[in-house]
Amino acid sequence: MNEEKKDAKTRFEEFRVNGNEVLGKVKEIIHEGNVRRIIFKDEHGKTFMEIPLTIGVVGALAAPILAAVGGVAALASNMTIVVEKIAD
């Protein structure tokens, strides 16, 4: 994980997925809510895309995000999704 400052209200989760699983996993993450940011890393751990999310991204607002994620999925065979969440 990056050397990022974490406060008591933030936590990170990582998921390793194949390119064909990326879109489904991101939909699941957005549906769960309380996500601040989604970071996509390649097989070597290099960050190549970050998507900041606001609380309550749903419906039509999520469509551009999912389109971008679909493009990312087409470029990568294996990747890590890092999810920055607001701690409960």
C-alpha atoms as a PDB file:
ATOM      1  CA  MET A   1       0.000   0.000   0.000  1.00  0.00           C
ATOM      2  CA  ASN A   2       1.196   3.556  -0.605  1.00  0.00           C
ATOM      3  CA  GLU A   3       2.809   5.548   2.155  1.00  0.00           C
ATOM      4  CA  GLU A   4      -0.319   7.564   2.773  1.00  0.00           C
ATOM      5  CA  LYS A   5      -1.346   9.198   5.996  1.00  0.00           C
ATOM      6  CA  LYS A   6      -4.254   7.404   7.552  1.00  0.00           C
ATOM      7  CA  ASP A   7      -6.402   8.984  10.199  1.00  0.00           C
ATOM      8  CA  ALA A   8      -8.666   7.086  12.555  1.00  0.00           C
ATOM      9  CA  LYS A   9     -11.602   7.584  10.186  1.00  0.00           C
ATOM     10  CA  THR A  10     -10.042   6.059   7.063  1.00  0.00           C
ATOM     11  CA  ARG A  11      -9.252   2.464   6.158  1.00  0.00           C
ATOM     12  CA  PHE A  12      -8.042   0.706   3.032  1.00  0.00           C
ATOM     13  CA  GLU A  13      -9.028  -2.596   1.442  1.00  0.00           C
ATOM     14  CA  GLU A  14      -7.286  -4.320  -1.465  1.00  0.00           C
ATOM     15  CA  PHE A  15      -8.774  -6.733  -3.974  1.00  0.00           C
ATOM     16  CA  ARG A  16      -6.839  -8.660  -6.635  1.00  0.00           C
ATOM     17  CA  VAL A  17      -8.992  -9.236  -9.707  1.00  0.00           C
ATOM     18  CA  ASN A  18      -8.726 -10.320 -13.332  1.00  0.00           C
ATOM     19  CA  GLY A  19      -9.636  -7.888 -16.091  1.00  0.00           C
ATOM     20  CA  ASN A  20     -13.032  -9.498 -16.634  1.00  0.00           C
ATOM     21  CA  GLU A  21     -13.909  -9.179 -12.907  1.00  0.00           C
ATOM     22  CA  VAL A  22     -13.045  -5.485 -12.508  1.00  0.00           C
ATOM     23  CA  LEU A  23     -16.358  -3.942 -13.512  1.00  0.00           C
ATOM     24  CA  GLY A  24     -18.421  -6.260 -11.322  1.00  0.00           C
ATOM     25  CA  LYS A  25     -16.177  -5.654  -8.315  1.00  0.00           C
ATOM     26  CA  VAL A  26     -16.321  -1.864  -8.734  1.00  0.00           C
ATOM     27  CA  LYS A  27     -20.130  -1.986  -8.978  1.00  0.00           C
ATOM     28  CA  GLU A  28     -20.174  -3.998  -5.755  1.00  0.00           C
ATOM     29  CA  ILE A  29     -17.832  -1.536  -4.020  1.00  0.00           C
ATOM     30  CA  ILE A  30     -19.891   1.502  -5.066  1.00  0.00           C
ATOM     31  CA  HIS A  31     -23.100  -0.232  -3.978  1.00  0.00           C
ATOM     32  CA  GLU A  32     -21.650  -0.874  -0.496  1.00  0.00           C
ATOM     33  CA  GLY A  33     -21.206   2.870  -0.011  1.00  0.00           C
ATOM     34  CA  ASN A  34     -18.905   4.893   2.285  1.00  0.00           C
ATOM     35  CA  VAL A  35     -16.111   4.844  -0.332  1.00  0.00           C
ATOM     36  CA  ARG A  36     -13.888   7.902  -0.724  1.00  0.00           C
ATOM     37  CA  ARG A  37     -11.627   6.743  -3.515  1.00  0.00           C
ATOM     38  CA  ILE A  38     -10.860   3.752  -5.732  1.00  0.00           C
ATOM     39  CA  ILE A  39      -7.273   3.233  -6.890  1.00  0.00           C
ATOM     40  CA  PHE A  40      -6.296   0.864  -9.703  1.00  0.00           C
ATOM     41  CA  LYS A  41      -2.808  -0.660  -9.703  1.00  0.00           C
ATOM     42  CA  ASP A  42      -1.177  -2.853 -12.297  1.00  0.00           C
ATOM     43  CA  GLU A  43       0.548  -6.196 -11.703  1.00  0.00           C
ATOM     44  CA  HIS A  44       3.696  -4.391 -10.584  1.00  0.00           C
ATOM     45  CA  GLY A  45       1.947  -2.206  -7.995  1.00  0.00           C
ATOM     46  CA  LYS A  46       2.091   0.966 -10.097  1.00  0.00           C
ATOM     47  CA  THR A  47      -0.943   3.225  -9.754  1.00  0.00           C
ATOM     48  CA  PHE A  48      -2.420   4.051 -13.147  1.00  0.00           C
ATOM     49  CA  MET A  49      -5.854   5.411 -12.252  1.00  0.00           C
ATOM     50  CA  GLU A  50      -7.583   6.932  -9.234  1.00  0.00           C
ATOM     51  CA  ILE A  51     -11.284   7.702  -9.026  1.00  0.00           C
ATOM     52  CA  PRO A  52     -12.425   9.976  -6.200  1.00  0.00           C
ATOM     53  CA  LEU A  53     -15.974   9.231  -5.095  1.00  0.00           C
ATOM     54  CA  THR A  54     -18.362  11.234  -3.027  1.00  0.00           C
ATOM     55  CA  ILE A  55     -20.756   9.669  -0.588  1.00  0.00           C
ATOM     56  CA  GLY A  56     -23.961   8.758  -2.343  1.00  0.00           C
ATOM     57  CA  VAL A  57     -22.724   8.221  -5.898  1.00  0.00           C
ATOM     58  CA  VAL A  58     -25.603   6.303  -7.434  1.00  0.00           C
ATOM     59  CA  GLY A  59     -27.607   5.919 -10.603  1.00  0.00           C
ATOM     60  CA  ALA A  60     -26.754   8.246 -13.455  1.00  0.00           C
ATOM     61  CA  LEU A  61     -23.783   9.708 -11.575  1.00  0.00           C
ATOM     62  CA  ALA A  62     -22.128   6.283 -11.438  1.00  0.00           C
ATOM     63  CA  ALA A  63     -22.422   5.687 -15.203  1.00  0.00           C
ATOM     64  CA  PRO A  64     -19.329   7.735 -16.240  1.00  0.00           C
ATOM     65  CA  ILE A  65     -17.311   6.072 -13.490  1.00  0.00           C
ATOM     66  CA  LEU A  66     -18.323   2.615 -14.676  1.00  0.00           C
ATOM     67  CA  ALA A  67     -17.493   3.539 -18.278  1.00  0.00           C
ATOM     68  CA  ALA A  68     -13.995   4.576 -17.204  1.00  0.00           C
ATOM     69  CA  VAL A  69     -13.591   1.368 -15.225  1.00  0.00           C
ATOM     70  CA  GLY A  70     -14.648  -0.653 -18.260  1.00  0.00           C
ATOM     71  CA  GLY A  71     -11.829   0.980 -20.219  1.00  0.00           C
ATOM     72  CA  VAL A  72      -9.344   0.168 -17.488  1.00  0.00           C
ATOM     73  CA  ALA A  73     -10.508  -3.442 -17.393  1.00  0.00           C
ATOM     74  CA  ALA A  74      -9.876  -3.782 -21.114  1.00  0.00           C
ATOM     75  CA  LEU A  75      -6.239  -2.733 -20.611  1.00  0.00           C
ATOM     76  CA  ALA A  76      -5.315  -4.985 -17.710  1.00  0.00           C
ATOM     77  CA  SER A  77      -5.333  -8.717 -17.237  1.00  0.00           C
ATOM     78  CA  ASN A  78      -4.543  -8.751 -13.519  1.00  0.00           C
ATOM     79  CA  MET A  79      -4.842  -5.771 -11.242  1.00  0.00           C
ATOM     80  CA  THR A  80      -5.280  -4.642  -7.683  1.00  0.00           C
ATOM     81  CA  ILE A  81      -8.150  -2.417  -6.637  1.00  0.00           C
ATOM     82  CA  VAL A  82      -7.417  -0.373  -3.522  1.00  0.00           C
ATOM     83  CA  VAL A  83     -10.504   1.061  -1.846  1.00  0.00           C
ATOM     84  CA  GLU A  84     -10.258   3.963   0.583  1.00  0.00           C
ATOM     85  CA  LYS A  85     -13.251   3.840   2.900  1.00  0.00           C
ATOM     86  CA  ILE A  86     -14.642   5.889   5.701  1.00  0.00           C
ATOM     87  CA  ALA A  87     -14.279   3.756   8.805  1.00  0.00           C
ATOM     88  CA  ASP A  88     -17.448   2.855  10.627  1.00  0.00           C
END
